[in-house]
Amino acid sequence: MAKGYWVARVDVDNLDEYKKYIAANAAPLAAYQGRFLVRGGQFETPEGSSRSRNVVIEFPSYQAALDCYHSPGYQAAKAIREAHSTGDVVIIEGYDG
């Protein structure tokens, strides 16, 4: 079964308040076995546009990635994020050869 991923690009407007989102998303991500592969870090944008922060989270399946995003716990965290950042999130199924 192919894994699922969240790929997010974010511009944070208020870092102190955004930290509340980081704390709030920990429980739903753990419940759905989400694991950070990329969490900020140095990057280069050789083509197209970018945002200031990039995140990739791996889940055991595409369905787990969808279920986590739509869970009440993550939706509560998302409300915090939306108030203090602008971004793009893609939920995508991994390649399983």
PDB file of N, CA and C in Angstrom:
ATOM      1  N   MET A   1       0.836  -1.180   0.000  1.00  0.00           N
ATOM      2  CA  MET A   1       0.000   0.000   0.000  1.00  0.00           C
ATOM      3  C   MET A   1       0.883   1.247   0.000  1.00  0.00           C
ATOM      4  N   ALA A   2       0.559   2.184  -0.863  1.00  0.00           N
ATOM      5  CA  ALA A   2       1.325   3.419  -0.958  1.00  0.00           C
ATOM      6  C   ALA A   2       1.079   4.307   0.257  1.00  0.00           C
ATOM      7  N   LYS A   3       2.111   5.002   0.658  1.00  0.00           N
ATOM      8  CA  LYS A   3       1.993   5.946   1.764  1.00  0.00           C
ATOM      9  C   LYS A   3       1.288   7.206   1.280  1.00  0.00           C
ATOM     10  N   GLY A   4       0.862   8.019   2.235  1.00  0.00           N
ATOM     11  CA  GLY A   4       0.244   9.305   1.924  1.00  0.00           C
ATOM     12  C   GLY A   4       1.108  10.419   2.477  1.00  0.00           C
ATOM     13  N   TYR A   5       1.012  11.588   1.874  1.00  0.00           N
ATOM     14  CA  TYR A   5       1.848  12.714   2.272  1.00  0.00           C
ATOM     15  C   TYR A   5       1.042  14.010   2.287  1.00  0.00           C
ATOM     16  N   TRP A   6       1.381  14.855   3.232  1.00  0.00           N
ATOM     17  CA  TRP A   6       0.967  16.254   3.178  1.00  0.00           C
ATOM     18  C   TRP A   6       2.192  17.026   2.715  1.00  0.00           C
ATOM     19  N   VAL A   7       2.015  17.854   1.719  1.00  0.00           N
ATOM     20  CA  VAL A   7       3.062  18.756   1.259  1.00  0.00           C
ATOM     21  C   VAL A   7       2.510  20.164   1.462  1.00  0.00           C
ATOM     22  N   ALA A   8       3.164  20.927   2.324  1.00  0.00           N
ATOM     23  CA  ALA A   8       2.666  22.263   2.655  1.00  0.00           C
ATOM     24  C   ALA A   8       3.744  23.305   2.437  1.00  0.00           C
ATOM     25  N   ARG A   9       3.312  24.468   1.959  1.00  0.00           N
ATOM     26  CA  ARG A   9       4.174  25.641   1.806  1.00  0.00           C
ATOM     27  C   ARG A   9       3.466  26.766   2.538  1.00  0.00           C
ATOM     28  N   VAL A  10       4.164  27.416   3.457  1.00  0.00           N
ATOM     29  CA  VAL A  10       3.503  28.360   4.362  1.00  0.00           C
ATOM     30  C   VAL A  10       4.330  29.627   4.536  1.00  0.00           C
ATOM     31  N   ASP A  11       3.631  30.755   4.592  1.00  0.00           N
ATOM     32  CA  ASP A  11       4.203  32.023   5.043  1.00  0.00           C
ATOM     33  C   ASP A  11       3.560  32.323   6.394  1.00  0.00           C
ATOM     34  N   VAL A  12       4.369  32.416   7.425  1.00  0.00           N
ATOM     35  CA  VAL A  12       3.891  32.659   8.783  1.00  0.00           C
ATOM     36  C   VAL A  12       3.869  34.161   9.036  1.00  0.00           C
ATOM     37  N   ASP A  13       2.713  34.665   9.483  1.00  0.00           N
ATOM     38  CA  ASP A  13       2.552  36.088   9.773  1.00  0.00           C
ATOM     39  C   ASP A  13       2.882  36.434  11.217  1.00  0.00           C
ATOM     40  N   ASN A  14       2.630  35.498  12.136  1.00  0.00           N
ATOM     41  CA  ASN A  14       2.834  35.747  13.560  1.00  0.00           C
ATOM     42  C   ASN A  14       3.398  34.472  14.180  1.00  0.00           C
ATOM     43  N   LEU A  15       4.708  34.401  14.316  1.00  0.00           N
ATOM     44  CA  LEU A  15       5.363  33.177  14.763  1.00  0.00           C
ATOM     45  C   LEU A  15       4.944  32.769  16.167  1.00  0.00           C
ATOM     46  N   ASP A  16       4.794  33.728  17.081  1.00  0.00           N
ATOM     47  CA  ASP A  16       4.399  33.373  18.449  1.00  0.00           C
ATOM     48  C   ASP A  16       3.036  32.685  18.469  1.00  0.00           C
ATOM     49  N   GLU A  17       2.088  33.183  17.707  1.00  0.00           N
ATOM     50  CA  GLU A  17       0.761  32.559  17.650  1.00  0.00           C
ATOM     51  C   GLU A  17       0.789  31.257  16.838  1.00  0.00           C
ATOM     52  N   TYR A  18       1.632  31.202  15.807  1.00  0.00           N
ATOM     53  CA  TYR A  18       1.748  30.000  14.981  1.00  0.00           C
ATOM     54  C   TYR A  18       2.257  28.821  15.806  1.00  0.00           C
ATOM     55  N   LYS A  19       3.053  29.104  16.818  1.00  0.00           N
ATOM     56  CA  LYS A  19       3.552  28.039  17.704  1.00  0.00           C
ATOM     57  C   LYS A  19       2.401  27.320  18.407  1.00  0.00           C
ATOM     58  N   LYS A  20       1.280  27.992  18.596  1.00  0.00           N
ATOM     59  CA  LYS A  20       0.093  27.340  19.180  1.00  0.00           C
ATOM     60  C   LYS A  20      -0.468  26.294  18.209  1.00  0.00           C
ATOM     61  N   TYR A  21      -0.392  26.577  16.919  1.00  0.00           N
ATOM     62  CA  TYR A  21      -0.793  25.602  15.908  1.00  0.00           C
ATOM     63  C   TYR A  21       0.115  24.374  15.958  1.00  0.00           C
ATOM     64  N   ILE A  22       1.408  24.611  16.065  1.00  0.00           N
ATOM     65  CA  ILE A  22       2.368  23.505  16.130  1.00  0.00           C
ATOM     66  C   ILE A  22       2.048  22.603  17.319  1.00  0.00           C
ATOM     67  N   ALA A  23       1.736  23.206  18.467  1.00  0.00           N
ATOM     68  CA  ALA A  23       1.375  22.418  19.648  1.00  0.00           C
ATOM     69  C   ALA A  23       0.054  21.685  19.439  1.00  0.00           C
ATOM     70  N   ALA A  24      -0.904  22.344  18.796  1.00  0.00           N
ATOM     71  CA  ALA A  24      -2.234  21.757  18.614  1.00  0.00           C
ATOM     72  C   ALA A  24      -2.253  20.631  17.580  1.00  0.00           C
ATOM     73  N   ASN A  25      -1.337  20.651  16.619  1.00  0.00           N
ATOM     74  CA  ASN A  25      -1.383  19.597  15.595  1.00  0.00           C
ATOM     75  C   ASN A  25      -0.667  18.325  16.022  1.00  0.00           C
ATOM     76  N   ALA A  26       0.060  18.370  17.130  1.00  0.00           N
ATOM     77  CA  ALA A  26       0.846  17.204  17.557  1.00  0.00           C
ATOM     78  C   ALA A  26      -0.023  15.976  17.821  1.00  0.00           C
ATOM     79  N   ALA A  27      -1.118  16.131  18.533  1.00  0.00           N
ATOM     80  CA  ALA A  27      -1.968  14.978  18.880  1.00  0.00           C
ATOM     81  C   ALA A  27      -2.627  14.354  17.653  1.00  0.00           C
ATOM     82  N   PRO A  28      -3.268  15.138  16.771  1.00  0.00           N
ATOM     83  CA  PRO A  28      -3.864  14.483  15.599  1.00  0.00           C
ATOM     84  C   PRO A  28      -2.817  13.838  14.686  1.00  0.00           C
ATOM     85  N   LEU A  29      -1.661  14.481  14.521  1.00  0.00           N
ATOM     86  CA  LEU A  29      -0.632  13.857  13.686  1.00  0.00           C
ATOM     87  C   LEU A  29      -0.169  12.542  14.292  1.00  0.00           C
ATOM     88  N   ALA A  30       0.014  12.499  15.594  1.00  0.00           N
ATOM     89  CA  ALA A  30       0.429  11.255  16.258  1.00  0.00           C
ATOM     90  C   ALA A  30      -0.651  10.184  16.138  1.00  0.00           C
ATOM     91  N   ALA A  31      -1.901  10.584  16.277  1.00  0.00           N
ATOM     92  CA  ALA A  31      -3.011   9.622  16.207  1.00  0.00           C
ATOM     93  C   ALA A  31      -3.086   8.927  14.851  1.00  0.00           C
ATOM     94  N   TYR A  32      -2.676   9.624  13.797  1.00  0.00           N
ATOM     95  CA  TYR A  32      -2.716   9.052  12.445  1.00  0.00           C
ATOM     96  C   TYR A  32      -1.325   8.656  11.949  1.00  0.00           C
ATOM     97  N   GLN A  33      -0.373   8.584  12.875  1.00  0.00           N
ATOM     98  CA  GLN A  33       0.999   8.146  12.591  1.00  0.00           C
ATOM     99  C   GLN A  33       1.706   9.030  11.567  1.00  0.00           C
ATOM    100  N   GLY A  34       1.428  10.330  11.641  1.00  0.00           N
ATOM    101  CA  GLY A  34       2.123  11.279  10.779  1.00  0.00           C
ATOM    102  C   GLY A  34       3.558  11.466  11.250  1.00  0.00           C
ATOM    103  N   ARG A  35       4.472  11.538  10.303  1.00  0.00           N
ATOM    104  CA  ARG A  35       5.896  11.679  10.618  1.00  0.00           C
ATOM    105  C   ARG A  35       6.496  12.754   9.720  1.00  0.00           C
ATOM    106  N   PHE A  36       7.131  13.754  10.344  1.00  0.00           N
ATOM    107  CA  PHE A  36       7.742  14.842   9.579  1.00  0.00           C
ATOM    108  C   PHE A  36       8.966  14.331   8.825  1.00  0.00           C
ATOM    109  N   LEU A  37       8.984  14.583   7.524  1.00  0.00           N
ATOM    110  CA  LEU A  37      10.160  14.319   6.700  1.00  0.00           C
ATOM    111  C   LEU A  37      10.895  15.630   6.425  1.00  0.00           C
ATOM    112  N   VAL A  38      10.129  16.690   6.293  1.00  0.00           N
ATOM    113  CA  VAL A  38      10.673  18.036   6.097  1.00  0.00           C
ATOM    114  C   VAL A  38       9.894  18.953   7.018  1.00  0.00           C
ATOM    115  N   ARG A  39      10.622  19.793   7.759  1.00  0.00           N
ATOM    116  CA  ARG A  39       9.967  20.725   8.673  1.00  0.00           C
ATOM    117  C   ARG A  39      10.791  22.002   8.709  1.00  0.00           C
ATOM    118  N   GLY A  40      10.509  22.884   7.754  1.00  0.00           N
ATOM    119  CA  GLY A  40      11.327  24.082   7.617  1.00  0.00           C
ATOM    120  C   GLY A  40      12.617  23.716   6.921  1.00  0.00           C
ATOM    121  N   GLY A  41      13.692  24.287   7.336  1.00  0.00           N
ATOM    122  CA  GLY A  41      14.990  23.947   6.778  1.00  0.00           C
ATOM    123  C   GLY A  41      15.371  24.791   5.576  1.00  0.00           C
ATOM    124  N   GLN A  42      16.605  24.672   5.221  1.00  0.00           N
ATOM    125  CA  GLN A  42      17.169  25.415   4.106  1.00  0.00           C
ATOM    126  C   GLN A  42      16.599  24.895   2.795  1.00  0.00           C
ATOM    127  N   PHE A  43      16.332  25.806   1.846  1.00  0.00           N
ATOM    128  CA  PHE A  43      15.833  25.378   0.542  1.00  0.00           C
ATOM    129  C   PHE A  43      16.216  26.398  -0.518  1.00  0.00           C
ATOM    130  N   GLU A  44      16.080  25.975  -1.742  1.00  0.00           N
ATOM    131  CA  GLU A  44      16.312  26.827  -2.910  1.00  0.00           C
ATOM    132  C   GLU A  44      15.120  26.639  -3.837  1.00  0.00           C
ATOM    133  N   THR A  45      14.713  27.690  -4.515  1.00  0.00           N
ATOM    134  CA  THR A  45      13.607  27.620  -5.462  1.00  0.00           C
ATOM    135  C   THR A  45      14.144  27.930  -6.855  1.00  0.00           C
ATOM    136  N   PRO A  46      14.650  26.914  -7.576  1.00  0.00           N
ATOM    137  CA  PRO A  46      15.227  27.176  -8.892  1.00  0.00           C
ATOM    138  C   PRO A  46      14.174  27.473  -9.964  1.00  0.00           C
ATOM    139  N   GLU A  47      12.912  27.129  -9.703  1.00  0.00           N
ATOM    140  CA  GLU A  47      11.836  27.386 -10.662  1.00  0.00           C
ATOM    141  C   GLU A  47      10.567  27.703  -9.896  1.00  0.00           C
ATOM    142  N   GLY A  48       9.723  28.518 -10.480  1.00  0.00           N
ATOM    143  CA  GLY A  48       8.425  28.805  -9.887  1.00  0.00           C
ATOM    144  C   GLY A  48       8.508  29.718  -8.681  1.00  0.00           C
ATOM    145  N   SER A  49       7.495  29.616  -7.832  1.00  0.00           N
ATOM    146  CA  SER A  49       7.419  30.464  -6.646  1.00  0.00           C
ATOM    147  C   SER A  49       7.529  29.604  -5.395  1.00  0.00           C
ATOM    148  N   SER A  50       7.755  30.264  -4.282  1.00  0.00           N
ATOM    149  CA  SER A  50       7.864  29.522  -3.029  1.00  0.00           C
ATOM    150  C   SER A  50       7.292  30.352  -1.894  1.00  0.00           C
ATOM    151  N   ARG A  51       7.199  29.738  -0.747  1.00  0.00           N
ATOM    152  CA  ARG A  51       6.817  30.399   0.493  1.00  0.00           C
ATOM    153  C   ARG A  51       7.985  30.225   1.457  1.00  0.00           C
ATOM    154  N   SER A  52       7.902  30.859   2.606  1.00  0.00           N
ATOM    155  CA  SER A  52       9.047  30.884   3.518  1.00  0.00           C
ATOM    156  C   SER A  52       9.273  29.584   4.276  1.00  0.00           C
ATOM    157  N   ARG A  53       8.249  28.729   4.365  1.00  0.00           N
ATOM    158  CA  ARG A  53       8.375  27.492   5.141  1.00  0.00           C
ATOM    159  C   ARG A  53       7.792  26.339   4.326  1.00  0.00           C
ATOM    160  N   ASN A  54       8.501  25.206   4.322  1.00  0.00           N
ATOM    161  CA  ASN A  54       8.048  24.005   3.614  1.00  0.00           C
ATOM    162  C   ASN A  54       7.980  22.846   4.591  1.00  0.00           C
ATOM    163  N   VAL A  55       6.942  22.028   4.437  1.00  0.00           N
ATOM    164  CA  VAL A  55       6.734  20.898   5.334  1.00  0.00           C
ATOM    165  C   VAL A  55       6.270  19.697   4.508  1.00  0.00           C
ATOM    166  N   VAL A  56       6.821  18.517   4.806  1.00  0.00           N
ATOM    167  CA  VAL A  56       6.341  17.264   4.218  1.00  0.00           C
ATOM    168  C   VAL A  56       6.125  16.299   5.382  1.00  0.00           C
ATOM    169  N   ILE A  57       4.901  15.770   5.467  1.00  0.00           N
ATOM    170  CA  ILE A  57       4.550  14.818   6.521  1.00  0.00           C
ATOM    171  C   ILE A  57       4.128  13.520   5.862  1.00  0.00           C
ATOM    172  N   GLU A  58       4.707  12.413   6.306  1.00  0.00           N
ATOM    173  CA  GLU A  58       4.415  11.087   5.764  1.00  0.00           C
ATOM    174  C   GLU A  58       3.415  10.368   6.663  1.00  0.00           C
ATOM    175  N   PHE A  59       2.460   9.686   6.056  1.00  0.00           N
ATOM    176  CA  PHE A  59       1.476   8.868   6.762  1.00  0.00           C
ATOM    177  C   PHE A  59       1.561   7.437   6.227  1.00  0.00           C
ATOM    178  N   PRO A  60       1.088   6.456   6.990  1.00  0.00           N
ATOM    179  CA  PRO A  60       1.189   5.072   6.535  1.00  0.00           C
ATOM    180  C   PRO A  60       0.378   4.774   5.270  1.00  0.00           C
ATOM    181  N   SER A  61      -0.615   5.624   4.966  1.00  0.00           N
ATOM    182  CA  SER A  61      -1.423   5.431   3.764  1.00  0.00           C
ATOM    183  C   SER A  61      -2.033   6.765   3.339  1.00  0.00           C
ATOM    184  N   TYR A  62      -2.478   6.817   2.106  1.00  0.00           N
ATOM    185  CA  TYR A  62      -3.171   7.997   1.596  1.00  0.00           C
ATOM    186  C   TYR A  62      -4.434   8.244   2.415  1.00  0.00           C
ATOM    187  N   GLN A  63      -5.142   7.170   2.745  1.00  0.00           N
ATOM    188  CA  GLN A  63      -6.376   7.312   3.524  1.00  0.00           C
ATOM    189  C   GLN A  63      -6.093   7.892   4.905  1.00  0.00           C
ATOM    190  N   ALA A  64      -5.015   7.465   5.547  1.00  0.00           N
ATOM    191  CA  ALA A  64      -4.647   8.020   6.855  1.00  0.00           C
ATOM    192  C   ALA A  64      -4.341   9.511   6.738  1.00  0.00           C
ATOM    193  N   ALA A  65      -3.683   9.916   5.651  1.00  0.00           N
ATOM    194  CA  ALA A  65      -3.388  11.330   5.435  1.00  0.00           C
ATOM    195  C   ALA A  65      -4.678  12.137   5.296  1.00  0.00           C
ATOM    196  N   LEU A  66      -5.632  11.610   4.534  1.00  0.00           N
ATOM    197  CA  LEU A  66      -6.932  12.282   4.385  1.00  0.00           C
ATOM    198  C   LEU A  66      -7.690  12.318   5.706  1.00  0.00           C
ATOM    199  N   ASP A  67      -7.721  11.181   6.396  1.00  0.00           N
ATOM    200  CA  ASP A  67      -8.471  11.100   7.653  1.00  0.00           C
ATOM    201  C   ASP A  67      -7.912  12.057   8.695  1.00  0.00           C
ATOM    202  N   CYS A  68      -6.602  12.177   8.769  1.00  0.00           N
ATOM    203  CA  CYS A  68      -5.994  13.096   9.721  1.00  0.00           C
ATOM    204  C   CYS A  68      -6.399  14.528   9.406  1.00  0.00           C
ATOM    205  N   TYR A  69      -6.297  14.908   8.151  1.00  0.00           N
ATOM    206  CA  TYR A  69      -6.627  16.280   7.761  1.00  0.00           C
ATOM    207  C   TYR A  69      -8.078  16.616   8.115  1.00  0.00           C
ATOM    208  N   HIS A  70      -8.976  15.690   7.886  1.00  0.00           N
ATOM    209  CA  HIS A  70     -10.402  15.941   8.105  1.00  0.00           C
ATOM    210  C   HIS A  70     -10.854  15.665   9.539  1.00  0.00           C
ATOM    211  N   SER A  71      -9.955  15.199  10.384  1.00  0.00           N
ATOM    212  CA  SER A  71     -10.318  14.887  11.772  1.00  0.00           C
ATOM    213  C   SER A  71     -10.662  16.159  12.551  1.00  0.00           C
ATOM    214  N   PRO A  72     -11.539  16.042  13.540  1.00  0.00           N
ATOM    215  CA  PRO A  72     -11.867  17.207  14.365  1.00  0.00           C
ATOM    216  C   PRO A  72     -10.628  17.809  15.039  1.00  0.00           C
ATOM    217  N   GLY A  73      -9.704  16.977  15.471  1.00  0.00           N
ATOM    218  CA  GLY A  73      -8.499  17.476  16.125  1.00  0.00           C
ATOM    219  C   GLY A  73      -7.657  18.330  15.205  1.00  0.00           C
ATOM    220  N   TYR A  74      -7.465  17.873  13.965  1.00  0.00           N
ATOM    221  CA  TYR A  74      -6.663  18.683  13.052  1.00  0.00           C
ATOM    222  C   TYR A  74      -7.425  19.917  12.593  1.00  0.00           C
ATOM    223  N   GLN A  75      -8.713  19.807  12.398  1.00  0.00           N
ATOM    224  CA  GLN A  75      -9.486  20.979  11.976  1.00  0.00           C
ATOM    225  C   GLN A  75      -9.428  22.088  13.027  1.00  0.00           C
ATOM    226  N   ALA A  76      -9.384  21.719  14.304  1.00  0.00           N
ATOM    227  CA  ALA A  76      -9.223  22.719  15.367  1.00  0.00           C
ATOM    228  C   ALA A  76      -7.851  23.375  15.273  1.00  0.00           C
ATOM    229  N   ALA A  77      -6.817  22.573  15.021  1.00  0.00           N
ATOM    230  CA  ALA A  77      -5.463  23.116  14.863  1.00  0.00           C
ATOM    231  C   ALA A  77      -5.391  24.009  13.624  1.00  0.00           C
ATOM    232  N   LYS A  78      -6.017  23.571  12.554  1.00  0.00           N
ATOM    233  CA  LYS A  78      -6.011  24.317  11.297  1.00  0.00           C
ATOM    234  C   LYS A  78      -6.596  25.716  11.472  1.00  0.00           C
ATOM    235  N   ALA A  79      -7.616  25.849  12.288  1.00  0.00           N
ATOM    236  CA  ALA A  79      -8.219  27.158  12.539  1.00  0.00           C
ATOM    237  C   ALA A  79      -7.185  28.121  13.140  1.00  0.00           C
ATOM    238  N   ILE A  80      -6.316  27.609  13.981  1.00  0.00           N
ATOM    239  CA  ILE A  80      -5.241  28.432  14.555  1.00  0.00           C
ATOM    240  C   ILE A  80      -4.264  28.827  13.449  1.00  0.00           C
ATOM    241  N   ARG A  81      -3.875  27.842  12.640  1.00  0.00           N
ATOM    242  CA  ARG A  81      -2.916  28.109  11.551  1.00  0.00           C
ATOM    243  C   ARG A  81      -3.443  29.159  10.592  1.00  0.00           C
ATOM    244  N   GLU A  82      -4.683  29.041  10.194  1.00  0.00           N
ATOM    245  CA  GLU A  82      -5.243  29.955   9.205  1.00  0.00           C
ATOM    246  C   GLU A  82      -5.277  31.403   9.700  1.00  0.00           C
ATOM    247  N   ALA A  83      -5.384  31.582  11.001  1.00  0.00           N
ATOM    248  CA  ALA A  83      -5.432  32.934  11.551  1.00  0.00           C
ATOM    249  C   ALA A  83      -4.062  33.619  11.542  1.00  0.00           C
ATOM    250  N   HIS A  84      -2.985  32.828  11.409  1.00  0.00           N
ATOM    251  CA  HIS A  84      -1.644  33.391  11.571  1.00  0.00           C
ATOM    252  C   HIS A  84      -0.676  33.039  10.445  1.00  0.00           C
ATOM    253  N   SER A  85      -1.213  32.531   9.339  1.00  0.00           N
ATOM    254  CA  SER A  85      -0.350  32.181   8.214  1.00  0.00           C
ATOM    255  C   SER A  85      -1.170  32.093   6.933  1.00  0.00           C
ATOM    256  N   THR A  86      -0.459  32.044   5.826  1.00  0.00           N
ATOM    257  CA  THR A  86      -1.047  31.825   4.512  1.00  0.00           C
ATOM    258  C   THR A  86      -0.284  30.674   3.886  1.00  0.00           C
ATOM    259  N   GLY A  87      -0.998  29.745   3.279  1.00  0.00           N
ATOM    260  CA  GLY A  87      -0.262  28.631   2.712  1.00  0.00           C
ATOM    261  C   GLY A  87      -1.054  27.779   1.756  1.00  0.00           C
ATOM    262  N   ASP A  88      -0.381  26.750   1.288  1.00  0.00           N
ATOM    263  CA  ASP A  88      -0.941  25.765   0.370  1.00  0.00           C
ATOM    264  C   ASP A  88      -0.665  24.389   0.950  1.00  0.00           C
ATOM    265  N   VAL A  89      -1.656  23.517   0.912  1.00  0.00           N
ATOM    266  CA  VAL A  89      -1.485  22.142   1.386  1.00  0.00           C
ATOM    267  C   VAL A  89      -1.987  21.206   0.297  1.00  0.00           C
ATOM    268  N   VAL A  90      -1.179  20.215  -0.030  1.00  0.00           N
ATOM    269  CA  VAL A  90      -1.570  19.176  -0.979  1.00  0.00           C
ATOM    270  C   VAL A  90      -1.469  17.846  -0.242  1.00  0.00           C
ATOM    271  N   ILE A  91      -2.499  17.028  -0.357  1.00  0.00           N
ATOM    272  CA  ILE A  91      -2.458  15.666   0.187  1.00  0.00           C
ATOM    273  C   ILE A  91      -2.332  14.745  -1.009  1.00  0.00           C
ATOM    274  N   ILE A  92      -1.291  13.928  -0.993  1.00  0.00           N
ATOM    275  CA  ILE A  92      -0.956  13.162  -2.201  1.00  0.00           C
ATOM    276  C   ILE A  92      -0.597  11.716  -1.849  1.00  0.00           C
ATOM    277  N   GLU A  93      -0.970  10.832  -2.737  1.00  0.00           N
ATOM    278  CA  GLU A  93      -0.616   9.422  -2.574  1.00  0.00           C
ATOM    279  C   GLU A  93       0.808   9.203  -3.086  1.00  0.00           C
ATOM    280  N   GLY A  94       1.584   8.479  -2.317  1.00  0.00           N
ATOM    281  CA  GLY A  94       2.963   8.174  -2.710  1.00  0.00           C
ATOM    282  C   GLY A  94       3.011   7.159  -3.842  1.00  0.00           C
ATOM    283  N   TYR A  95       4.145   7.077  -4.452  1.00  0.00           N
ATOM    284  CA  TYR A  95       4.385   6.115  -5.532  1.00  0.00           C
ATOM    285  C   TYR A  95       4.780   4.791  -4.927  1.00  0.00           C
ATOM    286  N   ASP A  96       4.133   3.731  -5.365  1.00  0.00           N
ATOM    287  CA  ASP A  96       4.374   2.409  -4.801  1.00  0.00           C
ATOM    288  C   ASP A  96       4.968   1.477  -5.844  1.00  0.00           C
ATOM    289  N   GLY A  97       5.821   2.012  -6.686  1.00  0.00           N
ATOM    290  CA  GLY A  97       6.583   1.237  -7.648  1.00  0.00           C
ATOM    291  C   GLY A  97       5.779   0.512  -8.646  1.00  0.00           C
TER     292      GLY A  97
END
